[in-house]
């Protein structure tokens, strides 16, 4: 997984992994969520990829737009 830049300094996101049709996101407490085209929609996943690479806004987008649209929760 790639370390999230966290340019704002207060994100709950620690790391992310990007695939062709998914984004895996690890939060500070260690939980990893898998978001896919099928679970969250292609438009949302592509936006999450952009935010992850920028290192800003991913946690907010997840909490406001795709919170429960994950395919799998890993601990």
Protein backbone atom coordinates (compact mmCIF):
# COMPACT_ATOMS: atom_id res chain seq x y z
CA UNK A 1 0.00 0.00 0.00
CA UNK A 2 1.07 3.60 -0.58
CA UNK A 3 1.34 6.07 2.28
CA UNK A 4 -1.30 8.78 2.04
CA UNK A 5 0.36 12.23 1.88
CA UNK A 6 -2.22 13.83 4.19
CA UNK A 7 -1.44 17.37 3.05
CA UNK A 8 -4.06 18.81 5.41
CA UNK A 9 -2.42 17.12 8.38
CA UNK A 10 -5.64 15.81 9.93
CA UNK A 11 -6.86 12.98 7.70
CA UNK A 12 -8.00 9.67 9.08
CA UNK A 13 -6.49 7.90 6.06
CA UNK A 14 -3.11 6.22 6.55
CA UNK A 15 -2.53 4.25 3.32
CA UNK A 16 -4.20 3.38 0.04
CA UNK A 17 -3.90 0.93 -2.83
CA UNK A 18 -5.21 1.59 -6.32
CA UNK A 19 -6.23 -1.07 -8.82
CA UNK A 20 -7.95 -0.91 -12.18
CA UNK A 21 -11.44 -1.07 -10.65
CA UNK A 22 -10.88 -0.60 -6.93
CA UNK A 23 -9.36 1.45 -4.13
CA UNK A 24 -8.34 -0.05 -0.77
CA UNK A 25 -8.08 2.47 2.05
CA UNK A 26 -6.50 1.92 5.46
CA UNK A 27 -7.51 4.28 8.23
CA UNK A 28 -5.39 5.28 11.22
CA UNK A 29 -6.98 2.71 13.53
CA UNK A 30 -5.93 -0.03 11.10
CA UNK A 31 -9.20 -0.97 9.43
CA UNK A 32 -8.98 -1.44 5.65
CA UNK A 33 -11.96 -0.89 3.36
CA UNK A 34 -12.19 -2.14 -0.21
CA UNK A 35 -14.25 0.05 -2.54
CA UNK A 36 -14.92 -1.28 -6.05
CA UNK A 37 -16.68 -0.21 -9.23
CA UNK A 38 -19.43 -2.69 -8.34
CA UNK A 39 -19.88 -1.49 -4.76
CA UNK A 40 -19.38 2.28 -5.07
CA UNK A 41 -19.61 3.02 -8.79
CA UNK A 42 -16.97 3.79 -11.38
CA UNK A 43 -17.30 7.58 -11.05
CA UNK A 44 -16.74 7.47 -7.28
CA UNK A 45 -13.77 5.09 -7.55
CA UNK A 46 -12.07 7.22 -10.18
CA UNK A 47 -12.58 10.30 -8.00
CA UNK A 48 -11.16 8.45 -4.98
CA UNK A 49 -8.08 7.51 -7.03
CA UNK A 50 -7.47 11.18 -7.84
CA UNK A 51 -7.90 12.25 -4.21
CA UNK A 52 -5.62 9.47 -3.00
CA UNK A 53 -2.86 10.52 -5.38
CA UNK A 54 -3.28 14.18 -4.37
CA UNK A 55 -3.11 13.29 -0.69
CA UNK A 56 -6.03 15.53 0.17
CA UNK A 57 -9.80 15.13 0.58
CA UNK A 58 -10.09 11.34 0.52
CA UNK A 59 -11.33 10.90 4.08
CA UNK A 60 -13.92 13.64 3.65
CA UNK A 61 -15.15 12.19 0.36
CA UNK A 62 -15.48 8.75 1.92
CA UNK A 63 -17.38 10.00 4.95
CA UNK A 64 -19.73 12.20 2.91
CA UNK A 65 -20.25 10.23 -0.29
CA UNK A 66 -19.30 6.53 -0.15
CA UNK A 67 -19.18 5.69 3.54
CA UNK A 68 -21.13 2.41 3.43
CA UNK A 69 -20.53 1.55 -0.22
CA UNK A 70 -17.52 -0.64 0.48
CA UNK A 71 -17.37 -4.23 -0.76
CA UNK A 72 -15.27 -5.59 2.08
CA UNK A 73 -14.04 -4.50 5.49
CA UNK A 74 -10.74 -5.97 6.68
CA UNK A 75 -9.26 -5.73 10.13
